[in-house]
Amino acid sequence: MDEKLLNKGMKRLIRLCWFAYSMSYIGRLNFSACMAEIMAAEGITKVYAGSVGTGFLACYGVGQLVNGLLGDRVSPKKMVGFGLLGAGCANILMGLNTAPALMIAVWCLNGWFQSMLWSPIIRCFSRWLPKDRQQKAGVRLASTIPAGTIASYVLSSAVLSVAGWRPVFLAGGALLIFASAVWFSGISGIADYIACMEAAAPADGRAATGAGAAPTGKPRGLLGLIAGTGLVFAVAGILFNGILKDGVTLWVPAFITESFGVAPSIAAALSVLMPVVSLTGAYAAVWLNKKTNNEMATVGVLFLVSTASFVFLYLFGDIHIVFTAVLFAVSLASMLGVNSMLLTFIPLRFGSLGKSASVTGFLNACSYFASALSSVSIGLIAGSKGWNATVLSWLAVALAGAAAGFAGKRFWGRGRRRIADGR
């Protein structure tokens, strides 16, 4: 294929993946943005509201594990497209549902379909992009999280202020179904480019690197890779990251609403500030990683930044609502950087072994199992002990994450060399 057409195909692929994952957040974070309004309108408790979030995260975590393993075998075109379509339908069901008892079941369904996106997208990058373009694409992909978060909170805030919580889910569902149609159409439009990259890729599923050399040594399963490459420390790091990135994010609007007595729509609007700042997290992580030359060392430093933000939140978090939002934003920016290292940059290194989607799915599953537990746990702690005790628990988690990152630095350095050598 002509080089100009190859470059055009690469750019279209990156844009499609970016669009698909950004749009998924519209149908994911809308429950968080609407939580205070739902509790007030439907008369449900904090514990039950947290359980809805837990159900989503638990199904998302199981789905990540299952769909991650499938992602190295099933076409990304089908998995991503049907994932967006299913998530859109689940959101519409949530908006139409009039029985609070069914909220958990509907949101669990949404969690499963949402889990069909990230691992196949990482596989798209590891198999359909040259190696020298993968990391740059990975940085762009990291920006989908803040971009999608901003879109979700802006849409939720606007609709909440004029129409209540149900239309928020109806609008989100319609947009996800639209995104599914765009994905199927867009991937079909670059079929020639994909066929060219598939022809250049080795038969075992490793990404084309231009060198064409197959790694030596016996192929290992996922558990063997975890044990033999230092990935176990990444597992610990992603557990703590899941608690802070997703568990905390779920409760930020409620924290702001209760701490400062503002309307839920105002809290959702103010929450937009956080992903705007957190957008810097991925780029800061890439810059820091060039200095440390070790993803786990970068993870340790970023967890320390998050620790500092929680210290200030505990001591001075009641001074002003904007200051509180900024502190949350700094912490979440750090967590986005950690997330980029653990769920994008580290898994891409396994592309040469044909295991990028499996590693991504496993790590993402660990992240969301932790998120599921933290979602309801935060509700219990906040309801019984108050927000100060809750912030202290977040601080302890951030410190544990820093310890995991620094402890894994040496082991991952060795493991990375083994992966490069195909051992």
Protein backbone atom coordinates (compact mmCIF):
# COMPACT_ATOMS: atom_id res chain seq x y z
CA MET A 1 0.00 0.00 0.00
CA ASP A 2 1.14 3.53 -0.77
CA GLU A 3 2.81 5.26 2.20
CA LYS A 4 0.39 8.18 1.98
CA LEU A 5 -2.57 5.83 2.18
CA LEU A 6 -0.93 4.00 5.09
CA ASN A 7 -0.55 7.25 7.03
CA LYS A 8 -4.14 8.16 6.25
CA GLY A 9 -5.32 4.77 7.48
CA MET A 10 -3.31 5.07 10.70
CA LYS A 11 -4.75 8.49 11.48
CA ARG A 12 -8.30 7.34 10.79
CA LEU A 13 -7.83 4.31 13.03
CA ILE A 14 -6.50 6.42 15.90
CA ARG A 15 -9.35 8.93 15.52
CA LEU A 16 -11.96 6.15 15.47
CA CYS A 17 -10.57 4.51 18.61
CA TRP A 18 -10.37 7.90 20.34
CA PHE A 19 -13.95 8.75 19.41
CA ALA A 20 -15.35 5.35 20.45
CA TYR A 21 -13.79 5.33 23.89
CA SER A 22 -14.50 9.00 24.59
CA MET A 23 -18.17 8.48 23.78
CA SER A 24 -18.39 5.50 26.12
CA TYR A 25 -17.94 7.80 29.12
CA ILE A 26 -21.16 9.62 28.31
CA GLY A 27 -23.02 6.44 29.21
CA ARG A 28 -20.79 5.57 32.16
CA LEU A 29 -20.33 8.59 34.39
CA ASN A 30 -23.87 9.93 34.04
CA PHE A 31 -24.94 7.87 37.05
CA SER A 32 -22.27 9.56 39.16
CA ALA A 33 -23.37 13.01 37.96
CA CYS A 34 -27.02 12.19 38.69
CA MET A 35 -26.49 10.30 41.95
CA ALA A 36 -27.54 13.05 44.34
CA GLU A 37 -30.63 13.82 42.24
CA ILE A 38 -31.57 10.13 42.00
CA MET A 39 -31.22 9.65 45.76
CA ALA A 40 -33.46 12.65 46.39
CA ALA A 41 -36.06 11.86 43.70
CA GLU A 42 -36.31 8.11 44.23
CA GLY A 43 -35.70 8.00 47.99
CA ILE A 44 -32.79 5.56 47.84
CA THR A 45 -29.96 5.49 50.39
CA LYS A 46 -26.27 6.19 49.91
CA VAL A 47 -25.52 2.51 50.44
CA TYR A 48 -27.96 1.46 47.71
CA ALA A 49 -26.68 4.15 45.35
CA GLY A 50 -23.16 2.92 46.03
CA SER A 51 -24.34 -0.63 45.34
CA VAL A 52 -25.55 0.42 41.88
CA GLY A 53 -22.06 1.75 41.19
CA THR A 54 -20.57 -1.41 42.66
CA GLY A 55 -22.72 -3.58 40.40
CA PHE A 56 -21.52 -1.67 37.36
CA LEU A 57 -17.88 -1.90 38.37
CA ALA A 58 -18.10 -5.59 39.31
CA CYS A 59 -19.63 -6.54 35.94
CA TYR A 60 -17.17 -4.26 34.18
CA GLY A 61 -14.32 -6.00 35.99
CA VAL A 62 -15.51 -9.54 35.16
CA GLY A 63 -16.19 -8.40 31.61
CA GLN A 64 -12.69 -6.98 31.31
CA LEU A 65 -11.22 -10.34 32.27
CA VAL A 66 -13.42 -12.33 29.89
CA ASN A 67 -13.39 -9.84 27.03
CA GLY A 68 -9.68 -9.22 27.47
CA LEU A 69 -8.97 -12.89 26.81
CA LEU A 70 -11.43 -12.86 23.91
CA GLY A 71 -9.92 -9.63 22.62
CA ASP A 72 -6.80 -11.42 21.35
CA ARG A 73 -9.04 -13.76 19.32
CA VAL A 74 -12.22 -11.92 18.27
CA SER A 75 -12.31 -9.06 15.78
CA PRO A 76 -12.03 -5.65 17.50
CA LYS A 77 -14.52 -4.32 14.95
CA LYS A 78 -17.27 -6.54 16.33
CA MET A 79 -16.40 -6.21 20.01
CA VAL A 80 -16.17 -2.42 20.09
CA GLY A 81 -19.19 -1.87 17.85
CA PHE A 82 -21.51 -4.19 19.76
CA GLY A 83 -20.14 -2.94 23.07
CA LEU A 84 -21.18 0.62 22.23
CA LEU A 85 -24.55 -0.55 20.93
CA GLY A 86 -25.30 -2.62 24.04
CA ALA A 87 -24.21 0.16 26.41
CA GLY A 88 -26.49 2.58 24.57
CA CYS A 89 -29.47 0.26 24.98
CA ALA A 90 -28.70 -0.22 28.70
CA ASN A 91 -28.64 3.55 29.21
CA ILE A 92 -32.03 3.92 27.53
CA LEU A 93 -33.40 1.16 29.78
CA MET A 94 -32.07 3.04 32.82
CA GLY A 95 -33.88 6.18 31.74
CA LEU A 96 -37.15 4.31 31.16
CA ASN A 97 -36.96 2.18 34.31
CA THR A 98 -39.44 3.16 37.05
CA ALA A 99 -38.47 0.51 39.62
CA PRO A 100 -35.46 1.52 41.77
CA ALA A 101 -34.89 -2.15 42.62
CA LEU A 102 -34.00 -2.83 38.97
CA MET A 103 -31.34 -0.10 38.78
CA ILE A 104 -28.57 -2.48 39.81
CA ALA A 105 -29.48 -5.06 37.15
CA VAL A 106 -29.67 -2.49 34.36
CA TRP A 107 -26.41 -0.83 35.35
CA CYS A 108 -24.68 -4.22 35.61
CA LEU A 109 -25.72 -4.83 32.00
CA ASN A 110 -24.19 -1.50 31.06
CA GLY A 111 -20.97 -2.48 32.83
CA TRP A 112 -20.67 -5.68 30.81
CA PHE A 113 -21.10 -3.96 27.45
CA GLN A 114 -18.71 -1.17 28.46
CA SER A 115 -16.06 -3.82 29.22
CA MET A 116 -15.98 -4.79 25.52
CA LEU A 117 -14.13 -1.61 24.50
CA TRP A 118 -10.70 -0.96 26.02
CA SER A 119 -8.88 -4.27 25.49
CA PRO A 120 -9.88 -4.59 21.80
CA ILE A 121 -8.83 -0.97 21.24
CA ILE A 122 -5.40 -1.70 22.73
CA ARG A 123 -5.23 -4.71 20.41
CA CYS A 124 -6.07 -2.42 17.47
CA PHE A 125 -3.02 -0.34 18.36
CA SER A 126 -0.66 -3.26 18.98
CA ARG A 127 -1.63 -5.10 15.78
CA TRP A 128 -2.69 -2.41 13.32
CA LEU A 129 -0.14 0.30 14.10
CA PRO A 130 3.63 0.15 13.54
CA LYS A 131 5.55 -0.04 16.80
CA ASP A 132 7.02 3.43 16.41
CA ARG A 133 3.51 4.90 16.37
CA GLN A 134 2.02 2.95 19.26
CA GLN A 135 3.24 5.03 22.18
CA LYS A 136 2.23 8.33 20.58
CA ALA A 137 -1.20 6.85 19.88
CA GLY A 138 -1.33 5.62 23.47
CA VAL A 139 -0.85 9.16 24.79
CA ARG A 140 -3.71 10.37 22.60
CA LEU A 141 -5.87 7.52 23.79
CA ALA A 142 -5.27 8.51 27.41
CA SER A 143 -6.95 11.83 26.70
CA THR A 144 -10.22 10.01 25.99
CA ILE A 145 -10.80 9.66 29.73
CA PRO A 146 -10.85 13.38 30.59
CA ALA A 147 -12.51 14.24 27.28
CA GLY A 148 -15.25 11.70 27.85
CA THR A 149 -15.61 12.76 31.47
CA ILE A 150 -16.03 16.40 30.46
CA ALA A 151 -18.62 15.48 27.84
CA SER A 152 -20.53 13.35 30.34
CA TYR A 153 -20.61 16.00 33.07
CA VAL A 154 -21.48 18.83 30.68
CA LEU A 155 -24.33 16.83 29.15
CA SER A 156 -25.54 15.61 32.54
CA SER A 157 -25.42 19.08 34.10
CA ALA A 158 -27.27 20.69 31.19
CA VAL A 159 -30.02 18.06 31.06
CA LEU A 160 -30.33 17.82 34.85
CA SER A 161 -30.93 21.55 35.16
CA VAL A 162 -33.91 21.53 32.79
CA ALA A 163 -35.36 18.01 32.62
CA GLY A 164 -34.34 15.82 35.58
CA TRP A 165 -32.26 12.66 35.72
CA ARG A 166 -34.14 10.29 33.40
CA PRO A 167 -33.52 12.27 30.17
CA VAL A 168 -29.80 12.24 31.02
CA PHE A 169 -29.72 8.48 30.43
CA LEU A 170 -31.97 8.64 27.37
CA ALA A 171 -29.68 11.21 25.74
CA GLY A 172 -26.56 9.25 26.67
CA GLY A 173 -28.01 6.05 25.23
CA ALA A 174 -28.91 7.70 21.94
CA LEU A 175 -25.38 9.08 21.61
CA LEU A 176 -23.80 5.70 22.27
CA ILE A 177 -25.94 4.04 19.60
CA PHE A 178 -24.84 6.79 17.22
CA ALA A 179 -21.20 6.13 18.18
CA SER A 180 -21.68 2.44 17.38
CA ALA A 181 -22.88 3.31 13.89
CA VAL A 182 -19.89 5.62 13.37
CA TRP A 183 -17.51 2.87 14.51
CA PHE A 184 -18.88 0.20 12.17
CA SER A 185 -18.88 2.61 9.25
CA GLY A 186 -15.43 3.98 9.99
CA ILE A 187 -13.74 0.59 10.41
CA SER A 188 -15.30 -0.63 7.17
CA GLY A 189 -13.88 2.47 5.49
CA ILE A 190 -10.28 1.48 6.35
CA ALA A 191 -10.65 -2.21 5.50
CA ASP A 192 -7.81 -2.03 2.94
CA TYR A 193 -5.45 -0.50 5.50
CA ILE A 194 -6.35 -3.16 8.09
CA ALA A 195 -5.87 -5.95 5.55
CA CYS A 196 -2.43 -4.56 4.73
CA MET A 197 -1.41 -4.49 8.40
CA GLU A 198 -2.84 -7.98 8.99
CA ALA A 199 -0.81 -9.32 6.07
CA ALA A 200 2.35 -7.82 7.57
CA ALA A 201 1.65 -9.13 11.08
CA PRO A 202 3.09 -12.48 12.20
CA ALA A 203 0.62 -15.34 12.29
CA ASP A 204 0.64 -15.69 16.08
CA GLY A 205 -0.94 -12.29 16.57
CA ARG A 206 2.09 -10.18 17.37
CA ALA A 207 2.10 -6.63 16.11
CA ALA A 208 4.09 -5.81 13.02
CA THR A 209 7.25 -4.01 14.05
CA GLY A 210 9.01 -3.74 10.75
CA ALA A 211 11.78 -6.09 11.84
CA GLY A 212 9.73 -9.23 11.40
CA ALA A 213 11.80 -11.17 13.91
CA ALA A 214 9.98 -13.66 16.07
CA PRO A 215 10.93 -13.79 19.73
CA THR A 216 12.67 -16.85 21.04
CA GLY A 217 11.68 -19.03 23.96
CA LYS A 218 8.54 -20.90 24.89
CA PRO A 219 5.26 -18.98 24.87
CA ARG A 220 3.82 -18.43 28.32
CA GLY A 221 0.30 -18.03 29.56
CA LEU A 222 -0.98 -14.94 31.31
CA LEU A 223 -0.16 -16.18 34.82
CA GLY A 224 3.37 -17.03 33.71
CA LEU A 225 3.83 -13.52 32.37
CA ILE A 226 2.55 -12.00 35.62
CA ALA A 227 4.93 -14.09 37.69
CA GLY A 228 7.94 -13.75 35.43
CA THR A 229 7.96 -10.09 34.39
CA GLY A 230 7.29 -8.14 37.59
CA LEU A 231 3.73 -7.52 36.43
CA VAL A 232 2.53 -8.51 39.91
CA PHE A 233 3.53 -5.03 41.12
CA ALA A 234 1.49 -3.50 38.33
CA VAL A 235 -1.45 -5.56 39.59
CA ALA A 236 -1.01 -4.07 43.06
CA GLY A 237 -0.70 -0.59 41.58
CA ILE A 238 -3.82 -0.92 39.45
CA LEU A 239 -5.84 -2.09 42.46
CA PHE A 240 -5.01 1.11 44.33
CA ASN A 241 -5.46 3.16 41.17
CA GLY A 242 -8.94 1.71 40.68
CA ILE A 243 -10.00 2.77 44.16
CA LEU A 244 -8.88 6.35 43.62
CA LYS A 245 -9.63 6.89 39.93
CA ASP A 246 -13.09 5.35 39.76
CA GLY A 247 -14.30 4.93 43.32
CA VAL A 248 -13.47 8.51 44.24
CA THR A 249 -14.72 9.90 40.92
CA LEU A 250 -18.11 8.28 41.53
CA TRP A 251 -18.53 10.19 44.80
CA VAL A 252 -17.05 13.60 43.96
CA PRO A 253 -20.36 15.27 42.97
CA ALA A 254 -22.06 13.96 46.14
CA PHE A 255 -19.05 15.12 48.22
CA ILE A 256 -19.31 18.63 46.79
CA THR A 257 -23.11 18.74 47.11
CA GLU A 258 -23.10 17.72 50.77
CA SER A 259 -19.99 19.63 51.84
CA PHE A 260 -21.04 22.97 50.36
CA GLY A 261 -24.84 22.68 50.06
CA VAL A 262 -25.02 23.36 46.32
CA ALA A 263 -27.54 21.92 43.86
CA PRO A 264 -26.63 18.62 42.15
CA SER A 265 -26.51 20.35 38.76
CA ILE A 266 -23.97 22.86 40.14
CA ALA A 267 -21.83 20.05 41.56
CA ALA A 268 -21.90 18.22 38.22
CA ALA A 269 -20.93 21.41 36.39
CA LEU A 270 -18.08 22.13 38.80
CA SER A 271 -16.87 18.56 38.40
CA VAL A 272 -16.02 19.44 34.79
CA LEU A 273 -13.00 21.30 36.19
CA MET A 274 -11.45 18.04 37.32
CA PRO A 275 -11.04 16.30 33.95
CA VAL A 276 -9.86 19.57 32.40
CA VAL A 277 -6.93 19.55 34.82
CA SER A 278 -6.54 15.76 34.72
CA LEU A 279 -5.92 15.97 30.97
CA THR A 280 -2.41 17.06 31.93
CA GLY A 281 -1.92 13.83 33.87
CA ALA A 282 -1.25 11.57 30.88
CA TYR A 283 1.17 14.01 29.28
CA ALA A 284 2.93 14.65 32.59
CA ALA A 285 3.24 10.89 33.05
CA VAL A 286 4.86 10.48 29.62
CA TRP A 287 7.32 13.29 30.40
CA LEU A 288 8.08 11.79 33.81
CA ASN A 289 8.49 8.32 32.31
CA LYS A 290 11.18 9.63 29.97
CA LYS A 291 13.06 10.79 33.08
CA THR A 292 12.63 7.58 35.08
CA ASN A 293 12.74 5.20 32.08
CA ASN A 294 10.58 2.85 34.12
CA GLU A 295 6.77 2.79 34.16
CA MET A 296 6.58 1.52 37.76
CA ALA A 297 8.86 4.29 39.06
CA THR A 298 6.59 6.79 37.29
CA VAL A 299 3.61 5.16 39.00
CA GLY A 300 5.25 5.61 42.42
CA VAL A 301 5.90 9.33 41.90
CA LEU A 302 2.36 10.00 40.68
CA PHE A 303 0.85 8.23 43.69
CA LEU A 304 2.90 10.52 45.93
CA VAL A 305 1.39 13.55 44.18
CA SER A 306 -2.06 12.14 44.86
CA THR A 307 -1.12 11.59 48.50
CA ALA A 308 -0.16 15.25 48.85
CA SER A 309 -3.48 16.39 47.35
CA PHE A 310 -5.42 14.32 49.89
CA VAL A 311 -3.36 15.75 52.75
CA PHE A 312 -4.38 19.26 51.64
CA LEU A 313 -7.98 18.13 51.12
CA TYR A 314 -8.13 16.82 54.68
CA LEU A 315 -6.56 19.95 56.19
CA PHE A 316 -8.05 22.70 54.02
CA GLY A 317 -10.83 21.10 51.96
CA ASP A 318 -13.59 23.19 53.54
CA ILE A 319 -12.06 26.57 52.68
CA HIS A 320 -13.71 27.04 49.29
CA ILE A 321 -15.62 24.88 46.85
CA VAL A 322 -13.28 25.69 43.93
CA PHE A 323 -10.19 24.87 46.00
CA THR A 324 -11.73 21.50 46.88
CA ALA A 325 -12.46 20.79 43.22
CA VAL A 326 -8.87 21.69 42.28
CA LEU A 327 -7.47 19.28 44.88
CA PHE A 328 -9.64 16.49 43.52
CA ALA A 329 -8.49 17.43 40.03
CA VAL A 330 -4.81 17.17 40.97
CA SER A 331 -5.33 13.76 42.51
CA LEU A 332 -7.34 12.49 39.56
CA ALA A 333 -4.76 13.89 37.11
CA SER A 334 -2.13 11.83 38.89
CA MET A 335 -4.37 8.79 38.75
CA LEU A 336 -4.91 9.28 35.02
CA GLY A 337 -1.15 9.25 34.60
CA VAL A 338 -0.91 6.04 36.63
CA ASN A 339 -3.74 4.57 34.58
CA SER A 340 -1.93 5.42 31.34
CA MET A 341 1.23 3.68 32.50
CA LEU A 342 -0.52 0.55 33.76
CA LEU A 343 -3.30 0.10 31.20
CA THR A 344 -1.73 1.47 28.01
CA PHE A 345 2.06 1.66 28.05
CA ILE A 346 2.78 -1.56 29.95
CA PRO A 347 0.25 -3.68 27.96
CA LEU A 348 1.58 -2.36 24.64
CA ARG A 349 4.94 -3.90 25.52
CA PHE A 350 3.25 -7.31 25.45
CA GLY A 351 2.07 -6.78 21.88
CA SER A 352 5.19 -8.54 20.58
CA LEU A 353 3.99 -11.66 22.42
CA GLY A 354 0.43 -11.42 21.13
CA LYS A 355 -0.85 -10.76 24.66
CA SER A 356 -1.68 -7.04 24.68
CA ALA A 357 -5.46 -7.47 25.01
CA SER A 358 -5.14 -10.26 27.59
CA VAL A 359 -2.79 -8.24 29.80
CA THR A 360 -4.94 -5.14 29.39
CA GLY A 361 -8.10 -7.05 30.25
CA PHE A 362 -6.54 -8.67 33.32
CA LEU A 363 -5.16 -5.40 34.70
CA ASN A 364 -8.40 -3.57 33.94
CA ALA A 365 -10.37 -6.33 35.68
CA CYS A 366 -8.22 -5.91 38.79
CA SER A 367 -8.77 -2.16 38.63
CA TYR A 368 -12.52 -2.44 38.50
CA PHE A 369 -12.80 -5.14 41.14
CA ALA A 370 -11.09 -2.67 43.45
CA SER A 371 -13.36 0.10 42.17
CA ALA A 372 -16.44 -2.03 42.83
CA LEU A 373 -15.45 -2.64 46.43
CA SER A 374 -14.46 0.98 46.97
CA SER A 375 -17.71 2.35 45.57
CA VAL A 376 -19.91 0.83 48.26
CA SER A 377 -17.16 1.09 50.91
CA ILE A 378 -16.90 4.84 50.37
CA GLY A 379 -20.67 5.08 50.79
CA LEU A 380 -20.49 3.15 54.06
CA ILE A 381 -17.58 5.19 55.44
CA ALA A 382 -19.08 8.52 54.37
CA GLY A 383 -22.48 7.58 55.78
CA SER A 384 -21.20 6.37 59.15
CA LYS A 385 -17.95 8.25 59.78
CA GLY A 386 -18.25 11.36 57.61
CA TRP A 387 -16.17 12.77 54.79
CA ASN A 388 -13.04 13.52 56.85
CA ALA A 389 -12.59 9.84 57.67
CA THR A 390 -13.26 9.03 54.03
CA VAL A 391 -10.50 11.39 52.85
CA LEU A 392 -8.07 9.76 55.31
CA SER A 393 -8.86 6.37 53.78
CA TRP A 394 -8.08 7.77 50.32
CA LEU A 395 -4.77 9.12 51.62
CA ALA A 396 -3.80 5.68 52.95
CA VAL A 397 -4.61 4.06 49.59
CA ALA A 398 -2.46 6.62 47.74
CA LEU A 399 0.51 5.88 50.03
CA ALA A 400 0.10 2.15 49.44
CA GLY A 401 0.10 2.77 45.69
CA ALA A 402 3.35 4.72 45.94
CA ALA A 403 4.94 1.84 47.86
CA ALA A 404 3.85 -0.66 45.19
CA GLY A 405 5.26 1.50 42.40
CA PHE A 406 8.69 1.98 43.95
CA ALA A 407 8.90 -1.67 45.10
CA GLY A 408 8.19 -2.87 41.55
CA LYS A 409 10.70 -0.62 39.79
CA ARG A 410 13.60 -3.10 39.72
CA PHE A 411 11.47 -6.18 38.99
CA TRP A 412 9.65 -4.52 36.09
CA GLY A 413 12.93 -3.28 34.63
CA ARG A 414 14.10 -6.88 34.39
CA GLY A 415 10.74 -8.09 33.11
CA ARG A 416 10.68 -5.47 30.38
CA ARG A 417 13.99 -6.72 29.05
CA ARG A 418 12.69 -10.30 29.05
CA ILE A 419 9.64 -9.27 27.06
CA ALA A 420 11.83 -7.47 24.51
CA ASP A 421 13.93 -10.62 24.18
CA GLY A 422 10.84 -12.80 23.88
CA ARG A 423 11.65 -14.78 27.04
